[in-house]
PDB file of N, CA and C in Angstrom:
ATOM      1  N   MET A   1     369.954  20.322 138.393  1.00  0.00           N
ATOM      2  CA  MET A   1     369.376  21.682 138.462  1.00  0.00           C
ATOM      3  C   MET A   1     368.313  21.920 139.582  1.00  0.00           C
ATOM      4  N   GLY A   2     368.635  22.954 140.418  1.00  0.00           N
ATOM      5  CA  GLY A   2     367.719  23.085 141.655  1.00  0.00           C
ATOM      6  C   GLY A   2     366.507  23.821 141.237  1.00  0.00           C
ATOM      7  N   GLU A   3     366.016  24.725 142.139  1.00  0.00           N
ATOM      8  CA  GLU A   3     364.853  25.601 142.064  1.00  0.00           C
ATOM      9  C   GLU A   3     365.056  26.705 140.962  1.00  0.00           C
ATOM     10  N   LEU A   4     363.848  26.867 140.315  1.00  0.00           N
ATOM     11  CA  LEU A   4     363.726  27.811 139.117  1.00  0.00           C
ATOM     12  C   LEU A   4     362.762  28.972 139.516  1.00  0.00           C
ATOM     13  N   LYS A   5     362.995  29.962 139.101  1.00  0.00           N
ATOM     14  CA  LYS A   5     362.183  31.174 139.320  1.00  0.00           C
ATOM     15  C   LYS A   5     361.690  31.616 138.021  1.00  0.00           C
ATOM     16  N   GLY A   6     360.674  32.326 137.999  1.00  0.00           N
ATOM     17  CA  GLY A   6     360.124  32.955 136.907  1.00  0.00           C
ATOM     18  C   GLY A   6     359.132  34.075 137.298  1.00  0.00           C
ATOM     19  N   SER A   7     358.599  34.787 136.262  1.00  0.00           N
ATOM     20  CA  SER A   7     357.512  35.869 136.468  1.00  0.00           C
ATOM     21  C   SER A   7     356.783  36.079 135.165  1.00  0.00           C
ATOM     22  N   CYS A   8     355.691  36.900 135.498  1.00  0.00           N
ATOM     23  CA  CYS A   8     355.024  37.318 134.406  1.00  0.00           C
ATOM     24  C   CYS A   8     355.725  38.449 133.658  1.00  0.00           C
ATOM     25  N   HIS A   9     355.187  38.947 132.622  1.00  0.00           N
ATOM     26  CA  HIS A   9     355.855  40.045 131.869  1.00  0.00           C
ATOM     27  C   HIS A   9     356.361  41.163 132.704  1.00  0.00           C
ATOM     28  N   CYS A  10     355.386  41.808 133.534  1.00  0.00           N
ATOM     29  CA  CYS A  10     355.814  43.000 134.167  1.00  0.00           C
ATOM     30  C   CYS A  10     356.553  42.730 135.513  1.00  0.00           C
ATOM     31  N   GLY A  11     356.452  41.514 136.047  1.00  0.00           N
ATOM     32  CA  GLY A  11     357.243  41.037 137.327  1.00  0.00           C
ATOM     33  C   GLY A  11     356.394  41.214 138.550  1.00  0.00           C
ATOM     34  N   ALA A  12     355.167  41.559 138.449  1.00  0.00           N
ATOM     35  CA  ALA A  12     354.314  41.633 139.641  1.00  0.00           C
ATOM     36  C   ALA A  12     353.919  40.273 140.177  1.00  0.00           C
ATOM     37  N   VAL A  13     353.939  39.247 139.344  1.00  0.00           N
ATOM     38  CA  VAL A  13     353.706  37.886 139.906  1.00  0.00           C
ATOM     39  C   VAL A  13     354.960  37.040 139.788  1.00  0.00           C
ATOM     40  N   ARG A  14     355.433  36.484 140.852  1.00  0.00           N
ATOM     41  CA  ARG A  14     356.798  35.723 140.762  1.00  0.00           C
ATOM     42  C   ARG A  14     356.420  34.355 141.314  1.00  0.00           C
ATOM     43  N   LEU A  15     357.151  33.363 140.603  1.00  0.00           N
ATOM     44  CA  LEU A  15     356.989  31.884 140.711  1.00  0.00           C
ATOM     45  C   LEU A  15     358.337  31.265 141.189  1.00  0.00           C
ATOM     46  N   SER A  16     358.293  30.203 141.895  1.00  0.00           N
ATOM     47  CA  SER A  16     359.431  29.389 141.985  1.00  0.00           C
ATOM     48  C   SER A  16     358.907  27.949 142.150  1.00  0.00           C
ATOM     49  N   VAL A  17     359.565  27.140 141.400  1.00  0.00           N
ATOM     50  CA  VAL A  17     359.220  25.701 141.332  1.00  0.00           C
ATOM     51  C   VAL A  17     360.579  24.907 141.768  1.00  0.00           C
ATOM     52  N   PRO A  18     360.266  23.632 142.241  1.00  0.00           N
ATOM     53  CA  PRO A  18     361.548  22.928 142.839  1.00  0.00           C
ATOM     54  C   PRO A  18     362.581  22.619 141.820  1.00  0.00           C
ATOM     55  N   HIS A  19     362.302  22.337 140.480  1.00  0.00           N
ATOM     56  CA  HIS A  19     363.115  21.931 139.561  1.00  0.00           C
ATOM     57  C   HIS A  19     362.590  22.201 138.193  1.00  0.00           C
ATOM     58  N   ALA A  20     363.423  22.067 137.137  1.00  0.00           N
ATOM     59  CA  ALA A  20     362.955  22.201 135.914  1.00  0.00           C
ATOM     60  C   ALA A  20     362.086  21.009 135.418  1.00  0.00           C
ATOM     61  N   PRO A  21     361.092  21.309 134.602  1.00  0.00           N
ATOM     62  CA  PRO A  21     360.108  20.289 134.200  1.00  0.00           C
ATOM     63  C   PRO A  21     360.839  19.169 133.353  1.00  0.00           C
ATOM     64  N   GLU A  22     360.428  17.954 133.537  1.00  0.00           N
ATOM     65  CA  GLU A  22     360.933  16.924 132.595  1.00  0.00           C
ATOM     66  C   GLU A  22     360.266  16.905 131.326  1.00  0.00           C
ATOM     67  N   TRP A  23     359.008  17.270 131.364  1.00  0.00           N
ATOM     68  CA  TRP A  23     358.168  17.493 130.248  1.00  0.00           C
ATOM     69  C   TRP A  23     357.029  18.389 130.497  1.00  0.00           C
ATOM     70  N   VAL A  24     356.369  18.950 129.471  1.00  0.00           N
ATOM     71  CA  VAL A  24     355.325  19.886 129.602  1.00  0.00           C
ATOM     72  C   VAL A  24     354.192  19.300 128.712  1.00  0.00           C
ATOM     73  N   ALA A  25     353.029  19.947 128.904  1.00  0.00           N
ATOM     74  CA  ALA A  25     351.762  19.465 128.254  1.00  0.00           C
ATOM     75  C   ALA A  25     351.366  20.688 127.370  1.00  0.00           C
ATOM     76  N   SER A  26     351.160  20.316 126.081  1.00  0.00           N
ATOM     77  CA  SER A  26     350.625  21.304 125.143  1.00  0.00           C
ATOM     78  C   SER A  26     349.202  20.858 124.888  1.00  0.00           C
ATOM     79  N   CYS A  27     348.167  21.686 125.529  1.00  0.00           N
ATOM     80  CA  CYS A  27     346.835  21.217 125.516  1.00  0.00           C
ATOM     81  C   CYS A  27     346.300  22.033 124.298  1.00  0.00           C
ATOM     82  N   ASN A  28     345.208  21.278 123.764  1.00  0.00           N
ATOM     83  CA  ASN A  28     344.427  21.787 122.717  1.00  0.00           C
ATOM     84  C   ASN A  28     343.082  22.327 123.176  1.00  0.00           C
ATOM     85  N   CYS A  29     342.837  22.543 124.294  1.00  0.00           N
ATOM     86  CA  CYS A  29     341.530  23.108 124.715  1.00  0.00           C
ATOM     87  C   CYS A  29     341.520  24.590 124.186  1.00  0.00           C
ATOM     88  N   SER A  30     340.265  25.208 124.171  1.00  0.00           N
ATOM     89  CA  SER A  30     340.108  26.307 123.566  1.00  0.00           C
ATOM     90  C   SER A  30     341.035  27.546 124.247  1.00  0.00           C
ATOM     91  N   LEU A  31     341.202  27.589 125.574  1.00  0.00           N
ATOM     92  CA  LEU A  31     342.142  28.628 126.058  1.00  0.00           C
ATOM     93  C   LEU A  31     343.419  28.299 125.854  1.00  0.00           C
ATOM     94  N   CYS A  32     344.140  27.177 126.185  1.00  0.00           N
ATOM     95  CA  CYS A  32     345.419  26.838 126.004  1.00  0.00           C
ATOM     96  C   CYS A  32     345.989  27.140 124.532  1.00  0.00           C
ATOM     97  N   SER A  33     345.132  26.684 123.494  1.00  0.00           N
ATOM     98  CA  SER A  33     345.524  26.897 122.170  1.00  0.00           C
ATOM     99  C   SER A  33     345.577  28.413 121.699  1.00  0.00           C
ATOM    100  N   LYS A  34     344.723  29.202 122.301  1.00  0.00           N
ATOM    101  CA  LYS A  34     344.637  30.572 122.128  1.00  0.00           C
ATOM    102  C   LYS A  34     345.809  31.376 122.811  1.00  0.00           C
ATOM    103  N   THR A  35     346.352  30.855 123.937  1.00  0.00           N
ATOM    104  CA  THR A  35     347.182  31.636 124.839  1.00  0.00           C
ATOM    105  C   THR A  35     348.517  30.930 124.627  1.00  0.00           C
ATOM    106  N   GLY A  36     348.761  29.710 124.055  1.00  0.00           N
ATOM    107  CA  GLY A  36     350.045  29.318 123.927  1.00  0.00           C
ATOM    108  C   GLY A  36     350.748  28.603 125.139  1.00  0.00           C
ATOM    109  N   TRP A  37     349.956  28.305 126.213  1.00  0.00           N
ATOM    110  CA  TRP A  37     350.424  27.774 127.443  1.00  0.00           C
ATOM    111  C   TRP A  37     351.155  26.462 127.149  1.00  0.00           C
ATOM    112  N   LEU A  38     352.342  26.278 127.798  1.00  0.00           N
ATOM    113  CA  LEU A  38     352.999  24.957 127.998  1.00  0.00           C
ATOM    114  C   LEU A  38     353.048  24.604 129.433  1.00  0.00           C
ATOM    115  N   VAL A  39     352.411  23.640 129.932  1.00  0.00           N
ATOM    116  CA  VAL A  39     352.070  23.447 131.308  1.00  0.00           C
ATOM    117  C   VAL A  39     353.162  22.415 131.956  1.00  0.00           C
ATOM    118  N   ALA A  40     353.678  22.852 133.143  1.00  0.00           N
ATOM    119  CA  ALA A  40     354.570  21.974 133.764  1.00  0.00           C
ATOM    120  C   ALA A  40     353.665  21.729 135.143  1.00  0.00           C
ATOM    121  N   TYR A  41     353.734  20.430 135.579  1.00  0.00           N
ATOM    122  CA  TYR A  41     352.890  19.908 136.655  1.00  0.00           C
ATOM    123  C   TYR A  41     353.842  19.842 137.864  1.00  0.00           C
ATOM    124  N   TYR A  42     353.376  20.275 139.113  1.00  0.00           N
ATOM    125  CA  TYR A  42     354.092  20.191 140.397  1.00  0.00           C
ATOM    126  C   TYR A  42     353.057  19.942 141.432  1.00  0.00           C
ATOM    127  N   PRO A  43     353.456  19.327 142.476  1.00  0.00           N
ATOM    128  CA  PRO A  43     352.558  19.205 143.702  1.00  0.00           C
ATOM    129  C   PRO A  43     352.250  20.743 144.201  1.00  0.00           C
ATOM    130  N   ASP A  44     351.034  20.918 144.545  1.00  0.00           N
ATOM    131  CA  ASP A  44     350.618  22.211 145.056  1.00  0.00           C
ATOM    132  C   ASP A  44     351.599  22.895 145.903  1.00  0.00           C
ATOM    133  N   ASP A  45     352.110  22.176 147.037  1.00  0.00           N
ATOM    134  CA  ASP A  45     352.946  22.744 147.998  1.00  0.00           C
ATOM    135  C   ASP A  45     354.309  22.881 147.793  1.00  0.00           C
ATOM    136  N   ALA A  46     354.749  22.453 146.343  1.00  0.00           N
ATOM    137  CA  ALA A  46     356.202  22.693 145.922  1.00  0.00           C
ATOM    138  C   ALA A  46     356.236  23.877 145.094  1.00  0.00           C
ATOM    139  N   VAL A  47     355.164  24.627 144.940  1.00  0.00           N
ATOM    140  CA  VAL A  47     355.188  26.040 144.052  1.00  0.00           C
ATOM    141  C   VAL A  47     354.974  27.069 145.021  1.00  0.00           C
ATOM    142  N   SER A  48     355.812  28.136 144.733  1.00  0.00           N
ATOM    143  CA  SER A  48     355.446  29.448 145.416  1.00  0.00           C
ATOM    144  C   SER A  48     355.081  30.454 144.550  1.00  0.00           C
ATOM    145  N   VAL A  49     353.957  31.142 144.669  1.00  0.00           N
ATOM    146  CA  VAL A  49     353.348  32.127 143.963  1.00  0.00           C
ATOM    147  C   VAL A  49     353.370  33.422 144.694  1.00  0.00           C
ATOM    148  N   GLU A  50     354.022  34.464 144.325  1.00  0.00           N
ATOM    149  CA  GLU A  50     353.940  35.732 145.068  1.00  0.00           C
ATOM    150  C   GLU A  50     353.376  36.811 144.075  1.00  0.00           C
ATOM    151  N   GLY A  51     352.624  37.648 144.775  1.00  0.00           N
ATOM    152  CA  GLY A  51     351.943  38.733 143.894  1.00  0.00           C
ATOM    153  C   GLY A  51     350.467  38.319 143.768  1.00  0.00           C
ATOM    154  N   GLU A  52     349.691  39.512 143.244  1.00  0.00           N
ATOM    155  CA  GLU A  52     348.082  39.243 143.136  1.00  0.00           C
ATOM    156  C   GLU A  52     347.953  38.675 141.784  1.00  0.00           C
ATOM    157  N   THR A  53     347.017  37.672 141.798  1.00  0.00           N
ATOM    158  CA  THR A  53     346.547  37.146 140.548  1.00  0.00           C
ATOM    159  C   THR A  53     345.143  37.103 140.593  1.00  0.00           C
ATOM    160  N   VAL A  54     344.556  36.929 139.301  1.00  0.00           N
ATOM    161  CA  VAL A  54     343.092  36.830 139.171  1.00  0.00           C
ATOM    162  C   VAL A  54     342.764  35.624 138.526  1.00  0.00           C
ATOM    163  N   ALA A  55     341.685  34.849 139.040  1.00  0.00           N
ATOM    164  CA  ALA A  55     341.491  33.502 138.401  1.00  0.00           C
ATOM    165  C   ALA A  55     340.284  33.686 137.433  1.00  0.00           C
ATOM    166  N   TYR A  56     340.584  33.068 136.173  1.00  0.00           N
ATOM    167  CA  TYR A  56     339.511  32.844 135.298  1.00  0.00           C
ATOM    168  C   TYR A  56     338.963  31.498 135.308  1.00  0.00           C
ATOM    169  N   VAL A  57     337.633  31.379 135.534  1.00  0.00           N
ATOM    170  CA  VAL A  57     336.973  30.123 135.747  1.00  0.00           C
ATOM    171  C   VAL A  57     336.020  29.835 134.607  1.00  0.00           C
ATOM    172  N   TRP A  58     335.951  28.808 133.996  1.00  0.00           N
ATOM    173  CA  TRP A  58     335.193  28.487 132.864  1.00  0.00           C
ATOM    174  C   TRP A  58     334.885  26.830 132.760  1.00  0.00           C
ATOM    175  N   GLY A  59     334.072  26.552 131.637  1.00  0.00           N
ATOM    176  CA  GLY A  59     333.833  25.089 131.327  1.00  0.00           C
ATOM    177  C   GLY A  59     333.229  24.388 132.534  1.00  0.00           C
ATOM    178  N   ASP A  60     334.016  23.271 133.057  1.00  0.00           N
ATOM    179  CA  ASP A  60     333.564  22.435 134.027  1.00  0.00           C
ATOM    180  C   ASP A  60     333.818  23.034 135.395  1.00  0.00           C
ATOM    181  N   ARG A  61     334.343  24.094 135.466  1.00  0.00           N
ATOM    182  CA  ARG A  61     334.556  24.996 136.664  1.00  0.00           C
ATOM    183  C   ARG A  61     335.345  24.197 137.719  1.00  0.00           C
ATOM    184  N   MET A  62     336.217  23.298 137.202  1.00  0.00           N
ATOM    185  CA  MET A  62     337.129  22.435 138.169  1.00  0.00           C
ATOM    186  C   MET A  62     338.553  23.255 138.559  1.00  0.00           C
ATOM    187  N   ILE A  63     338.994  24.093 137.708  1.00  0.00           N
ATOM    188  CA  ILE A  63     340.141  24.794 137.924  1.00  0.00           C
ATOM    189  C   ILE A  63     340.052  26.303 137.821  1.00  0.00           C
ATOM    190  N   GLY A  64     340.943  27.029 138.438  1.00  0.00           N
ATOM    191  CA  GLY A  64     340.918  28.345 138.236  1.00  0.00           C
ATOM    192  C   GLY A  64     342.199  28.686 137.419  1.00  0.00           C
ATOM    193  N   ILE A  65     342.186  29.367 136.367  1.00  0.00           N
ATOM    194  CA  ILE A  65     343.444  29.643 135.555  1.00  0.00           C
ATOM    195  C   ILE A  65     343.747  31.170 135.841  1.00  0.00           C
ATOM    196  N   HIS A  66     344.953  31.203 136.588  1.00  0.00           N
ATOM    197  CA  HIS A  66     345.402  32.510 137.167  1.00  0.00           C
ATOM    198  C   HIS A  66     346.230  33.387 136.194  1.00  0.00           C
ATOM    199  N   HIS A  67     346.034  34.658 136.244  1.00  0.00           N
ATOM    200  CA  HIS A  67     346.753  35.530 135.430  1.00  0.00           C
ATOM    201  C   HIS A  67     347.092  36.869 136.244  1.00  0.00           C
ATOM    202  N   CYS A  68     348.146  37.576 135.819  1.00  0.00           N
ATOM    203  CA  CYS A  68     348.554  38.713 136.340  1.00  0.00           C
ATOM    204  C   CYS A  68     347.432  39.975 135.950  1.00  0.00           C
ATOM    205  N   PRO A  69     346.952  40.671 136.881  1.00  0.00           N
ATOM    206  CA  PRO A  69     346.134  41.655 136.478  1.00  0.00           C
ATOM    207  C   PRO A  69     346.636  42.857 135.846  1.00  0.00           C
ATOM    208  N   THR A  70     347.809  42.975 135.765  1.00  0.00           N
ATOM    209  CA  THR A  70     348.561  44.130 135.254  1.00  0.00           C
ATOM    210  C   THR A  70     348.885  43.774 133.791  1.00  0.00           C
ATOM    211  N   CYS A  71     349.793  42.743 133.566  1.00  0.00           N
ATOM    212  CA  CYS A  71     350.156  42.579 132.192  1.00  0.00           C
ATOM    213  C   CYS A  71     349.360  41.459 131.421  1.00  0.00           C
ATOM    214  N   GLY A  72     348.502  40.775 132.261  1.00  0.00           N
ATOM    215  CA  GLY A  72     347.673  39.753 131.613  1.00  0.00           C
ATOM    216  C   GLY A  72     348.402  38.321 131.345  1.00  0.00           C
ATOM    217  N   CYS A  73     349.633  38.197 131.722  1.00  0.00           N
ATOM    218  CA  CYS A  73     350.145  36.768 131.443  1.00  0.00           C
ATOM    219  C   CYS A  73     349.429  35.747 132.301  1.00  0.00           C
ATOM    220  N   GLY A  74     349.160  34.644 131.751  1.00  0.00           N
ATOM    221  CA  GLY A  74     348.826  33.569 132.524  1.00  0.00           C
ATOM    222  C   GLY A  74     349.843  32.908 133.180  1.00  0.00           C
ATOM    223  N   THR A  75     349.701  32.548 134.509  1.00  0.00           N
ATOM    224  CA  THR A  75     350.774  32.204 135.286  1.00  0.00           C
ATOM    225  C   THR A  75     350.690  30.783 135.900  1.00  0.00           C
ATOM    226  N   HIS A  76     349.423  30.344 136.288  1.00  0.00           N
ATOM    227  CA  HIS A  76     349.373  28.951 136.831  1.00  0.00           C
ATOM    228  C   HIS A  76     347.877  28.629 136.839  1.00  0.00           C
ATOM    229  N   TRP A  77     347.721  27.491 137.150  1.00  0.00           N
ATOM    230  CA  TRP A  77     346.196  26.890 137.418  1.00  0.00           C
ATOM    231  C   TRP A  77     346.230  26.103 138.878  1.00  0.00           C
ATOM    232  N   LYS A  78     344.995  26.144 139.447  1.00  0.00           N
ATOM    233  CA  LYS A  78     344.961  25.423 140.755  1.00  0.00           C
ATOM    234  C   LYS A  78     343.335  24.916 140.682  1.00  0.00           C
ATOM    235  N   THR A  79     343.181  23.974 141.371  1.00  0.00           N
ATOM    236  CA  THR A  79     341.948  23.251 141.459  1.00  0.00           C
ATOM    237  C   THR A  79     340.866  24.182 142.322  1.00  0.00           C
ATOM    238  N   LEU A  80     339.865  23.984 142.197  1.00  0.00           N
ATOM    239  CA  LEU A  80     338.764  24.877 142.861  1.00  0.00           C
ATOM    240  C   LEU A  80     338.003  24.016 143.830  1.00  0.00           C
ATOM    241  N   GLY A  81     338.285  22.810 143.853  1.00  0.00           N
ATOM    242  CA  GLY A  81     337.552  21.899 144.865  1.00  0.00           C
ATOM    243  C   GLY A  81     338.208  20.668 145.051  1.00  0.00           C
ATOM    244  N   GLU A  82     337.982  19.713 144.398  1.00  0.00           N
ATOM    245  CA  GLU A  82     338.611  18.444 144.469  1.00  0.00           C
ATOM    246  C   GLU A  82     340.087  18.477 144.188  1.00  0.00           C
ATOM    247  N   ASP A  83     340.994  18.051 144.947  1.00  0.00           N
ATOM    248  CA  ASP A  83     342.512  18.251 145.020  1.00  0.00           C
ATOM    249  C   ASP A  83     342.919  17.272 144.023  1.00  0.00           C
ATOM    250  N   PHE A  84     343.598  17.583 142.912  1.00  0.00           N
ATOM    251  CA  PHE A  84     344.205  16.693 141.938  1.00  0.00           C
ATOM    252  C   PHE A  84     345.553  16.313 142.331  1.00  0.00           C
ATOM    253  N   GLY A  85     346.121  16.886 143.405  1.00  0.00           N
ATOM    254  CA  GLY A  85     347.173  16.627 143.884  1.00  0.00           C
ATOM    255  C   GLY A  85     348.372  17.235 142.988  1.00  0.00           C
ATOM    256  N   LYS A  86     348.067  18.223 142.327  1.00  0.00           N
ATOM    257  CA  LYS A  86     348.986  18.890 141.353  1.00  0.00           C
ATOM    258  C   LYS A  86     348.419  20.271 140.920  1.00  0.00           C
ATOM    259  N   MET A  87     349.246  21.007 140.501  1.00  0.00           N
ATOM    260  CA  MET A  87     348.819  22.407 139.970  1.00  0.00           C
ATOM    261  C   MET A  87     349.685  22.457 138.661  1.00  0.00           C
ATOM    262  N   GLY A  88     349.365  23.375 137.782  1.00  0.00           N
ATOM    263  CA  GLY A  88     350.096  23.602 136.543  1.00  0.00           C
ATOM    264  C   GLY A  88     350.673  25.028 136.588  1.00  0.00           C
ATOM    265  N   VAL A  89     351.858  25.117 136.010  1.00  0.00           N
ATOM    266  CA  VAL A  89     352.655  26.345 135.893  1.00  0.00           C
ATOM    267  C   VAL A  89     352.867  26.607 134.433  1.00  0.00           C
ATOM    268  N   HIS A  90     352.772  27.786 134.080  1.00  0.00           N
ATOM    269  CA  HIS A  90     353.031  28.210 132.683  1.00  0.00           C
ATOM    270  C   HIS A  90     354.510  28.276 132.453  1.00  0.00           C
ATOM    271  N   ALA A  91     355.145  27.034 131.876  1.00  0.00           N
ATOM    272  CA  ALA A  91     356.498  26.868 131.825  1.00  0.00           C
ATOM    273  C   ALA A  91     357.359  27.931 131.093  1.00  0.00           C
ATOM    274  N   ARG A  92     356.442  28.398 130.111  1.00  0.00           N
ATOM    275  CA  ARG A  92     357.381  29.633 129.396  1.00  0.00           C
ATOM    276  C   ARG A  92     357.611  30.824 130.231  1.00  0.00           C
ATOM    277  N   LEU A  93     357.201  30.927 131.493  1.00  0.00           N
ATOM    278  CA  LEU A  93     357.500  32.069 132.366  1.00  0.00           C
ATOM    279  C   LEU A  93     358.776  31.797 133.176  1.00  0.00           C
ATOM    280  N   LEU A  94     359.104  30.511 133.178  1.00  0.00           N
ATOM    281  CA  LEU A  94     360.212  30.090 133.954  1.00  0.00           C
ATOM    282  C   LEU A  94     361.673  30.618 133.295  1.00  0.00           C
ATOM    283  N   GLU A  95     362.524  31.065 134.170  1.00  0.00           N
ATOM    284  CA  GLU A  95     363.941  31.613 133.669  1.00  0.00           C
ATOM    285  C   GLU A  95     364.678  30.406 133.125  1.00  0.00           C
ATOM    286  N   GLY A  96     365.300  30.479 131.891  1.00  0.00           N
ATOM    287  CA  GLY A  96     366.036  29.579 131.166  1.00  0.00           C
ATOM    288  C   GLY A  96     365.305  28.474 130.690  1.00  0.00           C
ATOM    289  N   PHE A  97     364.038  28.493 130.754  1.00  0.00           N
ATOM    290  CA  PHE A  97     363.112  27.351 130.023  1.00  0.00           C
ATOM    291  C   PHE A  97     363.432  27.412 128.598  1.00  0.00           C
ATOM    292  N   ASP A  98     363.724  26.193 128.177  1.00  0.00           N
ATOM    293  CA  ASP A  98     363.983  25.982 126.662  1.00  0.00           C
ATOM    294  C   ASP A  98     363.077  24.858 126.225  1.00  0.00           C
ATOM    295  N   VAL A  99     361.978  25.156 125.351  1.00  0.00           N
ATOM    296  CA  VAL A  99     361.225  24.160 125.014  1.00  0.00           C
ATOM    297  C   VAL A  99     361.864  23.028 124.172  1.00  0.00           C
ATOM    298  N   GLY A 100     363.008  23.203 123.574  1.00  0.00           N
ATOM    299  CA  GLY A 100     363.669  22.314 122.767  1.00  0.00           C
ATOM    300  C   GLY A 100     364.401  21.334 123.715  1.00  0.00           C
ATOM    301  N   GLU A 101     364.547  21.640 125.036  1.00  0.00           N
ATOM    302  CA  GLU A 101     365.224  20.608 125.866  1.00  0.00           C
ATOM    303  C   GLU A 101     364.375  19.658 126.757  1.00  0.00           C
ATOM    304  N   VAL A 102     363.012  19.748 126.433  1.00  0.00           N
ATOM    305  CA  VAL A 102     361.889  18.992 127.347  1.00  0.00           C
ATOM    306  C   VAL A 102     361.130  18.291 126.299  1.00  0.00           C
ATOM    307  N   GLU A 103     360.447  17.203 126.601  1.00  0.00           N
ATOM    308  CA  GLU A 103     359.401  16.481 125.877  1.00  0.00           C
ATOM    309  C   GLU A 103     358.204  17.372 126.103  1.00  0.00           C
ATOM    310  N   VAL A 104     357.729  17.588 124.780  1.00  0.00           N
ATOM    311  CA  VAL A 104     356.251  18.131 124.780  1.00  0.00           C
ATOM    312  C   VAL A 104     355.152  17.082 124.507  1.00  0.00           C
ATOM    313  N   ARG A 105     354.387  16.879 125.443  1.00  0.00           N
ATOM    314  CA  ARG A 105     353.199  15.991 125.209  1.00  0.00           C
ATOM    315  C   ARG A 105     351.893  16.662 124.839  1.00  0.00           C
ATOM    316  N   LEU A 106     351.456  16.151 123.749  1.00  0.00           N
ATOM    317  CA  LEU A 106     350.160  16.798 123.337  1.00  0.00           C
ATOM    318  C   LEU A 106     348.922  16.150 124.014  1.00  0.00           C
ATOM    319  N   THR A 107     348.224  16.989 124.692  1.00  0.00           N
ATOM    320  CA  THR A 107     347.025  16.526 125.475  1.00  0.00           C
ATOM    321  C   THR A 107     345.725  16.901 124.806  1.00  0.00           C
ATOM    322  N   ASP A 108     344.830  16.045 124.786  1.00  0.00           N
ATOM    323  CA  ASP A 108     343.557  16.358 124.010  1.00  0.00           C
ATOM    324  C   ASP A 108     342.466  16.642 125.117  1.00  0.00           C
ATOM    325  N   ASN A 109     342.172  17.995 125.424  1.00  0.00           N
ATOM    326  CA  ASN A 109     341.103  18.200 126.343  1.00  0.00           C
ATOM    327  C   ASN A 109     340.183  19.091 125.570  1.00  0.00           C
ATOM    328  N   ALA A 110     340.162  19.020 124.227  1.00  0.00           N
ATOM    329  CA  ALA A 110     339.212  19.649 123.479  1.00  0.00           C
ATOM    330  C   ALA A 110     337.919  18.850 123.215  1.00  0.00           C
ATOM    331  N   ASN A 111     338.237  17.618 123.293  1.00  0.00           N
ATOM    332  CA  ASN A 111     337.030  16.482 123.048  1.00  0.00           C
ATOM    333  C   ASN A 111     336.546  15.787 124.179  1.00  0.00           C
TER     334      ASN A 111
END
């Protein structure tokens, strides 16, 4: 399967990624556990984000967690300084994404 597209609830922010994720992260940090994010990781230059987003920055201030200013859906995260060589995309926004078809890895970022 090739490129996948997705969007926030209202469609103002559109995403495209090169392929379906092989696995996603289910993080237990205070933000992800409240918002239900399942994160798929891709190289920064492999993801296209169109539309206005607003970044929420907290904690160690290493990443900006972007969301649509209209509907509030979290869309992706990007680093704010040091390049991690990847960014995270909220996999639940991708068209045809089925959590039952991928490995879900629990990540401990709360401790």
